[in-house]
Amino acid sequence: MALLNINGSDVELQAEDAMPLLWAVRDIAGMTGTKYGCGVGLCGACTVHIDGVAERSCQLTVGEVTGKAITTIEGLDPDGEHRVQQAWRELNVPQCGFCQSGQIMQAASFLAEKPDPSDDEILDAMSGNVCRCGCYQRIVAAVRLASTGS
């Protein structure tokens, strides 16, 4: 049994401490916006925020995040009105959409830390998130649009 704080609510889950957070979030808590991509932390599809910082949920265990604030794409803004989500919609970023929740979570964490980045800083910050459709130009443009310097 684990007590996790997910999207601002304490949630009791039937999960062992060694279970990857990704599976606890998706399969037990039902937050399916967090995607399984590679399982080894290389693609970024499973990105969530842990205490406001973008992390790969496939690489964290339930035990490691107990007592920390976990935010999934569903909790970034319940109405989908976070500035990054707005920019994604305005620029029609997704093609297939599979990686987009991880991309958005990475971008939101990055912009919270660096609100007015250069294009090179955006490229560097987003480089760990893979988009198999190749929407990188639109992703960079959306991050730029969501920044304070847009």
N, C-alpha and C. Protein backbone atom coordinates (compact mmCIF):
# COMPACT_ATOMS: atom_id res chain seq x y z
N MET A 1 0.85 -1.18 0.00
CA MET A 1 0.00 0.00 0.00
C MET A 1 0.89 1.24 0.00
N ALA A 2 0.57 2.19 -0.85
CA ALA A 2 1.35 3.42 -0.95
C ALA A 2 0.42 4.63 -0.92
N LEU A 3 0.85 5.66 -0.25
CA LEU A 3 0.11 6.92 -0.24
C LEU A 3 0.93 7.92 -1.05
N LEU A 4 0.40 8.32 -2.20
CA LEU A 4 1.09 9.26 -3.08
C LEU A 4 0.26 10.52 -3.25
N ASN A 5 0.95 11.64 -3.45
CA ASN A 5 0.27 12.89 -3.75
C ASN A 5 0.33 13.07 -5.27
N ILE A 6 -0.79 12.84 -5.93
CA ILE A 6 -0.86 12.93 -7.38
C ILE A 6 -1.81 14.06 -7.75
N ASN A 7 -1.29 15.01 -8.48
CA ASN A 7 -2.09 16.16 -8.95
C ASN A 7 -2.80 16.88 -7.81
N GLY A 8 -2.10 16.99 -6.69
CA GLY A 8 -2.61 17.75 -5.55
C GLY A 8 -3.50 16.99 -4.60
N SER A 9 -3.75 15.72 -4.88
CA SER A 9 -4.60 14.90 -4.00
C SER A 9 -3.82 13.71 -3.47
N ASP A 10 -4.04 13.39 -2.21
CA ASP A 10 -3.44 12.18 -1.65
C ASP A 10 -4.24 10.99 -2.14
N VAL A 11 -3.52 10.02 -2.72
CA VAL A 11 -4.14 8.85 -3.32
C VAL A 11 -3.49 7.60 -2.71
N GLU A 12 -4.32 6.70 -2.20
CA GLU A 12 -3.82 5.45 -1.65
C GLU A 12 -3.89 4.39 -2.75
N LEU A 13 -2.74 3.81 -3.06
CA LEU A 13 -2.66 2.84 -4.14
C LEU A 13 -2.17 1.49 -3.64
N GLN A 14 -2.68 0.43 -4.22
CA GLN A 14 -2.18 -0.91 -3.95
C GLN A 14 -0.92 -1.11 -4.79
N ALA A 15 0.18 -0.57 -4.31
CA ALA A 15 1.44 -0.62 -5.06
C ALA A 15 2.59 -0.85 -4.10
N GLU A 16 3.51 -1.69 -4.54
CA GLU A 16 4.72 -1.93 -3.77
C GLU A 16 5.70 -0.78 -4.01
N ASP A 17 6.58 -0.55 -3.03
CA ASP A 17 7.58 0.52 -3.16
C ASP A 17 8.46 0.35 -4.39
N ALA A 18 8.70 -0.87 -4.82
CA ALA A 18 9.60 -1.13 -5.95
C ALA A 18 8.93 -0.97 -7.31
N MET A 19 7.61 -0.78 -7.33
CA MET A 19 6.90 -0.63 -8.61
C MET A 19 7.32 0.66 -9.29
N PRO A 20 7.59 0.63 -10.61
CA PRO A 20 7.87 1.88 -11.32
C PRO A 20 6.67 2.83 -11.22
N LEU A 21 6.96 4.09 -10.98
CA LEU A 21 5.91 5.10 -10.87
C LEU A 21 5.01 5.11 -12.10
N LEU A 22 5.57 4.92 -13.27
CA LEU A 22 4.79 4.90 -14.51
C LEU A 22 3.60 3.96 -14.40
N TRP A 23 3.82 2.75 -13.91
CA TRP A 23 2.75 1.76 -13.84
C TRP A 23 1.77 2.10 -12.73
N ALA A 24 2.25 2.65 -11.63
CA ALA A 24 1.34 3.05 -10.56
C ALA A 24 0.41 4.17 -11.04
N VAL A 25 0.97 5.12 -11.78
CA VAL A 25 0.19 6.24 -12.28
C VAL A 25 -0.81 5.78 -13.34
N ARG A 26 -0.34 4.99 -14.31
CA ARG A 26 -1.20 4.56 -15.42
C ARG A 26 -2.20 3.48 -15.01
N ASP A 27 -1.66 2.38 -14.48
CA ASP A 27 -2.50 1.19 -14.29
C ASP A 27 -3.33 1.21 -13.02
N ILE A 28 -2.82 1.84 -11.98
CA ILE A 28 -3.55 1.83 -10.72
C ILE A 28 -4.33 3.13 -10.53
N ALA A 29 -3.67 4.28 -10.74
CA ALA A 29 -4.34 5.57 -10.54
C ALA A 29 -5.18 5.98 -11.75
N GLY A 30 -4.97 5.35 -12.91
CA GLY A 30 -5.77 5.64 -14.09
C GLY A 30 -5.42 6.91 -14.83
N MET A 31 -4.21 7.42 -14.60
CA MET A 31 -3.76 8.64 -15.29
C MET A 31 -3.04 8.22 -16.58
N THR A 32 -3.80 7.90 -17.60
CA THR A 32 -3.23 7.31 -18.81
C THR A 32 -2.60 8.31 -19.78
N GLY A 33 -2.60 9.59 -19.43
CA GLY A 33 -1.91 10.57 -20.26
C GLY A 33 -0.41 10.38 -20.22
N THR A 34 0.10 9.80 -19.15
CA THR A 34 1.52 9.48 -19.04
C THR A 34 1.75 8.20 -19.83
N LYS A 35 2.61 8.26 -20.84
CA LYS A 35 2.76 7.14 -21.78
C LYS A 35 4.00 6.31 -21.52
N TYR A 36 3.89 5.02 -21.85
CA TYR A 36 5.06 4.13 -21.88
C TYR A 36 5.66 4.24 -23.26
N GLY A 37 6.94 4.58 -23.31
CA GLY A 37 7.61 4.67 -24.61
C GLY A 37 8.71 3.64 -24.74
N CYS A 38 9.74 3.78 -23.92
CA CYS A 38 10.89 2.90 -24.05
C CYS A 38 11.17 2.09 -22.79
N GLY A 39 10.77 2.59 -21.65
CA GLY A 39 11.00 1.89 -20.39
C GLY A 39 12.39 2.05 -19.80
N VAL A 40 13.25 2.81 -20.47
CA VAL A 40 14.62 2.99 -19.97
C VAL A 40 15.00 4.47 -19.83
N GLY A 41 14.01 5.35 -19.85
CA GLY A 41 14.25 6.76 -19.60
C GLY A 41 14.87 7.55 -20.73
N LEU A 42 14.82 7.01 -21.96
CA LEU A 42 15.47 7.68 -23.07
C LEU A 42 14.54 8.49 -23.98
N CYS A 43 13.23 8.19 -23.96
CA CYS A 43 12.36 8.83 -24.93
C CYS A 43 11.55 10.00 -24.37
N GLY A 44 11.28 10.01 -23.07
CA GLY A 44 10.55 11.12 -22.46
C GLY A 44 9.04 11.03 -22.52
N ALA A 45 8.47 9.99 -23.10
CA ALA A 45 7.01 9.88 -23.20
C ALA A 45 6.36 9.79 -21.82
N CYS A 46 7.10 9.32 -20.83
CA CYS A 46 6.55 9.11 -19.49
C CYS A 46 6.83 10.26 -18.53
N THR A 47 7.22 11.40 -19.06
CA THR A 47 7.63 12.52 -18.22
C THR A 47 6.49 13.04 -17.36
N VAL A 48 6.77 13.18 -16.07
CA VAL A 48 5.88 13.79 -15.09
C VAL A 48 6.71 14.80 -14.31
N HIS A 49 6.07 15.57 -13.46
CA HIS A 49 6.80 16.47 -12.57
C HIS A 49 6.84 15.86 -11.18
N ILE A 50 8.02 15.86 -10.59
CA ILE A 50 8.20 15.48 -9.21
C ILE A 50 8.68 16.74 -8.49
N ASP A 51 7.85 17.23 -7.59
CA ASP A 51 8.13 18.51 -6.92
C ASP A 51 8.48 19.60 -7.94
N GLY A 52 7.76 19.61 -9.07
CA GLY A 52 7.91 20.64 -10.09
C GLY A 52 8.99 20.42 -11.12
N VAL A 53 9.76 19.34 -10.99
CA VAL A 53 10.87 19.07 -11.91
C VAL A 53 10.50 17.91 -12.82
N ALA A 54 10.76 18.04 -14.11
CA ALA A 54 10.48 16.98 -15.07
C ALA A 54 11.35 15.77 -14.78
N GLU A 55 10.70 14.61 -14.66
CA GLU A 55 11.39 13.34 -14.40
C GLU A 55 10.75 12.25 -15.24
N ARG A 56 11.52 11.21 -15.52
CA ARG A 56 11.01 10.06 -16.27
C ARG A 56 10.37 9.08 -15.28
N SER A 57 9.08 8.91 -15.37
CA SER A 57 8.37 8.07 -14.40
C SER A 57 8.72 6.59 -14.53
N CYS A 58 9.25 6.17 -15.67
CA CYS A 58 9.65 4.77 -15.81
C CYS A 58 10.92 4.47 -15.03
N GLN A 59 11.63 5.50 -14.62
CA GLN A 59 12.90 5.33 -13.92
C GLN A 59 12.80 5.59 -12.42
N LEU A 60 11.61 5.89 -11.95
CA LEU A 60 11.39 6.16 -10.53
C LEU A 60 10.49 5.08 -9.95
N THR A 61 10.72 4.75 -8.70
CA THR A 61 9.84 3.80 -8.04
C THR A 61 8.85 4.55 -7.15
N VAL A 62 7.79 3.85 -6.81
CA VAL A 62 6.79 4.41 -5.90
C VAL A 62 7.45 4.84 -4.61
N GLY A 63 8.34 4.02 -4.09
CA GLY A 63 9.03 4.34 -2.83
C GLY A 63 9.86 5.61 -2.91
N GLU A 64 10.43 5.88 -4.08
CA GLU A 64 11.27 7.08 -4.25
C GLU A 64 10.46 8.37 -4.27
N VAL A 65 9.19 8.29 -4.63
CA VAL A 65 8.39 9.51 -4.76
C VAL A 65 7.37 9.69 -3.64
N THR A 66 7.32 8.74 -2.71
CA THR A 66 6.41 8.88 -1.58
C THR A 66 6.77 10.15 -0.81
N GLY A 67 5.79 10.98 -0.54
CA GLY A 67 6.02 12.24 0.17
C GLY A 67 6.36 13.40 -0.74
N LYS A 68 6.40 13.16 -2.06
CA LYS A 68 6.69 14.22 -3.02
C LYS A 68 5.44 14.52 -3.83
N ALA A 69 5.39 15.72 -4.40
CA ALA A 69 4.26 16.11 -5.24
C ALA A 69 4.48 15.60 -6.66
N ILE A 70 3.57 14.75 -7.12
CA ILE A 70 3.62 14.17 -8.46
C ILE A 70 2.57 14.88 -9.30
N THR A 71 2.98 15.41 -10.44
CA THR A 71 2.03 16.05 -11.35
C THR A 71 2.11 15.34 -12.69
N THR A 72 0.96 14.86 -13.17
CA THR A 72 0.87 14.25 -14.48
C THR A 72 0.29 15.28 -15.45
N ILE A 73 0.22 14.93 -16.72
CA ILE A 73 -0.37 15.84 -17.70
C ILE A 73 -1.80 16.20 -17.32
N GLU A 74 -2.52 15.26 -16.68
CA GLU A 74 -3.89 15.55 -16.26
C GLU A 74 -3.95 16.63 -15.19
N GLY A 75 -2.88 16.79 -14.43
CA GLY A 75 -2.86 17.75 -13.35
C GLY A 75 -2.12 19.04 -13.67
N LEU A 76 -1.49 19.11 -14.84
CA LEU A 76 -0.77 20.34 -15.21
C LEU A 76 -1.74 21.52 -15.18
N ASP A 77 -2.87 21.36 -15.82
CA ASP A 77 -3.99 22.29 -15.73
C ASP A 77 -5.22 21.47 -16.07
N PRO A 78 -6.10 21.26 -15.11
CA PRO A 78 -7.26 20.38 -15.34
C PRO A 78 -8.11 20.78 -16.55
N ASP A 79 -8.08 22.05 -16.92
CA ASP A 79 -8.85 22.52 -18.07
C ASP A 79 -8.02 22.59 -19.35
N GLY A 80 -6.75 22.18 -19.27
CA GLY A 80 -5.89 22.23 -20.44
C GLY A 80 -5.50 23.62 -20.86
N GLU A 81 -5.46 24.55 -19.90
CA GLU A 81 -5.19 25.94 -20.22
C GLU A 81 -3.82 26.43 -19.77
N HIS A 82 -2.92 25.51 -19.43
CA HIS A 82 -1.55 25.92 -19.13
C HIS A 82 -0.99 26.58 -20.39
N ARG A 83 -0.14 27.58 -20.23
CA ARG A 83 0.36 28.32 -21.40
C ARG A 83 1.04 27.42 -22.42
N VAL A 84 1.69 26.33 -21.96
CA VAL A 84 2.32 25.39 -22.90
C VAL A 84 1.24 24.64 -23.67
N GLN A 85 0.20 24.19 -22.99
CA GLN A 85 -0.89 23.50 -23.67
C GLN A 85 -1.57 24.42 -24.68
N GLN A 86 -1.74 25.68 -24.32
CA GLN A 86 -2.34 26.64 -25.24
C GLN A 86 -1.47 26.81 -26.48
N ALA A 87 -0.16 26.93 -26.28
CA ALA A 87 0.76 27.10 -27.41
C ALA A 87 0.73 25.86 -28.31
N TRP A 88 0.66 24.68 -27.70
CA TRP A 88 0.60 23.43 -28.47
C TRP A 88 -0.62 23.43 -29.38
N ARG A 89 -1.77 23.85 -28.83
CA ARG A 89 -2.99 23.89 -29.63
C ARG A 89 -2.90 24.97 -30.71
N GLU A 90 -2.43 26.14 -30.33
CA GLU A 90 -2.37 27.25 -31.28
C GLU A 90 -1.53 26.91 -32.50
N LEU A 91 -0.43 26.18 -32.28
CA LEU A 91 0.49 25.85 -33.38
C LEU A 91 0.25 24.44 -33.94
N ASN A 92 -0.79 23.78 -33.49
CA ASN A 92 -1.10 22.42 -33.98
C ASN A 92 0.14 21.53 -33.98
N VAL A 93 0.78 21.44 -32.84
CA VAL A 93 2.05 20.72 -32.73
C VAL A 93 1.94 19.23 -33.03
N PRO A 94 1.01 18.49 -32.41
CA PRO A 94 1.05 17.04 -32.56
C PRO A 94 0.73 16.54 -33.96
N GLN A 95 1.35 15.46 -34.30
CA GLN A 95 0.95 14.71 -35.48
C GLN A 95 0.23 13.47 -34.98
N CYS A 96 0.95 12.46 -34.49
CA CYS A 96 0.25 11.31 -33.91
C CYS A 96 -0.15 11.59 -32.47
N GLY A 97 0.62 12.43 -31.77
CA GLY A 97 0.30 12.84 -30.42
C GLY A 97 0.83 11.97 -29.30
N PHE A 98 1.40 10.82 -29.60
CA PHE A 98 1.81 9.88 -28.56
C PHE A 98 2.81 10.49 -27.58
N CYS A 99 3.78 11.21 -28.06
CA CYS A 99 4.84 11.76 -27.20
C CYS A 99 4.46 13.09 -26.56
N GLN A 100 3.35 13.66 -26.97
CA GLN A 100 3.08 15.06 -26.63
C GLN A 100 2.89 15.34 -25.15
N SER A 101 2.30 14.44 -24.39
CA SER A 101 2.17 14.73 -22.96
C SER A 101 3.54 14.85 -22.31
N GLY A 102 4.47 13.98 -22.69
CA GLY A 102 5.83 14.08 -22.17
C GLY A 102 6.53 15.35 -22.64
N GLN A 103 6.32 15.71 -23.89
CA GLN A 103 6.90 16.94 -24.43
C GLN A 103 6.38 18.15 -23.65
N ILE A 104 5.08 18.19 -23.43
CA ILE A 104 4.46 19.32 -22.72
C ILE A 104 4.96 19.39 -21.29
N MET A 105 5.05 18.25 -20.61
CA MET A 105 5.53 18.24 -19.23
C MET A 105 6.98 18.70 -19.15
N GLN A 106 7.81 18.27 -20.09
CA GLN A 106 9.21 18.71 -20.13
C GLN A 106 9.27 20.21 -20.37
N ALA A 107 8.50 20.71 -21.33
CA ALA A 107 8.51 22.14 -21.66
C ALA A 107 8.02 22.99 -20.48
N ALA A 108 6.96 22.54 -19.81
CA ALA A 108 6.42 23.31 -18.69
C ALA A 108 7.42 23.41 -17.55
N SER A 109 8.10 22.33 -17.24
CA SER A 109 9.12 22.34 -16.19
C SER A 109 10.28 23.25 -16.59
N PHE A 110 10.71 23.13 -17.84
CA PHE A 110 11.81 23.95 -18.34
C PHE A 110 11.46 25.44 -18.28
N LEU A 111 10.28 25.81 -18.73
CA LEU A 111 9.89 27.23 -18.73
C LEU A 111 9.68 27.78 -17.33
N ALA A 112 9.31 26.93 -16.40
CA ALA A 112 9.19 27.39 -15.01
C ALA A 112 10.56 27.76 -14.46
N GLU A 113 11.58 27.09 -14.94
CA GLU A 113 12.96 27.36 -14.50
C GLU A 113 13.61 28.46 -15.34
N LYS A 114 13.30 28.48 -16.63
CA LYS A 114 13.94 29.42 -17.56
C LYS A 114 12.85 30.04 -18.44
N PRO A 115 12.18 31.10 -17.94
CA PRO A 115 11.00 31.62 -18.64
C PRO A 115 11.25 32.30 -19.98
N ASP A 116 12.48 32.71 -20.26
CA ASP A 116 12.77 33.41 -21.52
C ASP A 116 14.00 32.80 -22.19
N PRO A 117 13.87 31.55 -22.65
CA PRO A 117 15.04 30.86 -23.20
C PRO A 117 15.33 31.24 -24.65
N SER A 118 16.56 31.00 -25.04
CA SER A 118 16.94 31.13 -26.45
C SER A 118 16.52 29.84 -27.17
N ASP A 119 16.55 29.86 -28.49
CA ASP A 119 16.23 28.65 -29.24
C ASP A 119 17.21 27.52 -28.93
N ASP A 120 18.48 27.84 -28.76
CA ASP A 120 19.46 26.82 -28.41
C ASP A 120 19.16 26.20 -27.04
N GLU A 121 18.73 27.02 -26.09
CA GLU A 121 18.37 26.49 -24.77
C GLU A 121 17.12 25.61 -24.85
N ILE A 122 16.18 26.00 -25.70
CA ILE A 122 14.98 25.18 -25.90
C ILE A 122 15.38 23.83 -26.50
N LEU A 123 16.19 23.86 -27.53
CA LEU A 123 16.64 22.62 -28.17
C LEU A 123 17.36 21.71 -27.18
N ASP A 124 18.21 22.29 -26.35
CA ASP A 124 18.94 21.52 -25.36
C ASP A 124 17.99 20.92 -24.33
N ALA A 125 17.06 21.72 -23.83
CA ALA A 125 16.13 21.26 -22.80
C ALA A 125 15.19 20.17 -23.32
N MET A 126 14.83 20.24 -24.57
CA MET A 126 13.87 19.30 -25.14
C MET A 126 14.54 18.11 -25.82
N SER A 127 15.86 18.08 -25.85
CA SER A 127 16.58 17.05 -26.61
C SER A 127 16.37 15.63 -26.09
N GLY A 128 15.97 15.47 -24.85
CA GLY A 128 15.74 14.13 -24.31
C GLY A 128 14.36 13.58 -24.57
N ASN A 129 13.52 14.34 -25.25
CA ASN A 129 12.17 13.90 -25.57
C ASN A 129 12.10 13.61 -27.07
N VAL A 130 11.80 12.36 -27.39
CA VAL A 130 11.77 11.92 -28.78
C VAL A 130 10.38 12.06 -29.36
N CYS A 131 10.33 12.59 -30.58
CA CYS A 131 9.08 12.65 -31.34
C CYS A 131 9.33 11.85 -32.62
N ARG A 132 8.72 10.70 -32.72
CA ARG A 132 8.95 9.83 -33.87
C ARG A 132 8.37 10.41 -35.16
N CYS A 133 7.44 11.34 -35.03
CA CYS A 133 6.86 11.98 -36.22
C CYS A 133 7.72 13.14 -36.71
N GLY A 134 8.67 13.58 -35.90
CA GLY A 134 9.56 14.65 -36.31
C GLY A 134 8.97 16.05 -36.22
N CYS A 135 8.15 16.28 -35.22
CA CYS A 135 7.50 17.59 -35.06
C CYS A 135 8.39 18.60 -34.33
N TYR A 136 9.68 18.44 -34.39
CA TYR A 136 10.59 19.25 -33.58
C TYR A 136 10.50 20.74 -33.86
N GLN A 137 10.33 21.14 -35.11
CA GLN A 137 10.23 22.58 -35.40
C GLN A 137 9.00 23.18 -34.74
N ARG A 138 7.89 22.46 -34.78
CA ARG A 138 6.67 22.97 -34.14
C ARG A 138 6.80 22.94 -32.62
N ILE A 139 7.50 21.94 -32.09
CA ILE A 139 7.71 21.86 -30.64
C ILE A 139 8.53 23.06 -30.18
N VAL A 140 9.61 23.36 -30.86
CA VAL A 140 10.44 24.51 -30.49
C VAL A 140 9.64 25.80 -30.62
N ALA A 141 8.87 25.92 -31.68
CA ALA A 141 8.05 27.13 -31.88
C ALA A 141 7.02 27.28 -30.76
N ALA A 142 6.43 26.16 -30.31
CA ALA A 142 5.43 26.22 -29.24
C ALA A 142 6.07 26.58 -27.90
N VAL A 143 7.26 26.04 -27.63
CA VAL A 143 7.95 26.40 -26.40
C VAL A 143 8.31 27.89 -26.43
N ARG A 144 8.77 28.36 -27.58
CA ARG A 144 9.07 29.78 -27.73
C ARG A 144 7.81 30.62 -27.52
N LEU A 145 6.69 30.21 -28.10
CA LEU A 145 5.44 30.94 -27.94
C LEU A 145 4.99 30.97 -26.48
N ALA A 146 5.19 29.88 -25.76
CA ALA A 146 4.78 29.81 -24.35
C ALA A 146 5.72 30.54 -23.42
N SER A 147 6.90 30.89 -23.91
CA SER A 147 7.86 31.60 -23.06
C SER A 147 7.44 33.05 -22.86
N THR A 148 8.03 33.68 -21.86
CA THR A 148 7.69 35.08 -21.60
C THR A 148 8.24 36.01 -22.66
N GLY A 149 9.21 35.54 -23.42
CA GLY A 149 9.82 36.38 -24.46
C GLY A 149 9.14 36.26 -25.80
N SER A 150 8.01 35.53 -25.86
CA SER A 150 7.36 35.30 -27.17
C SER A 150 6.76 36.55 -27.76
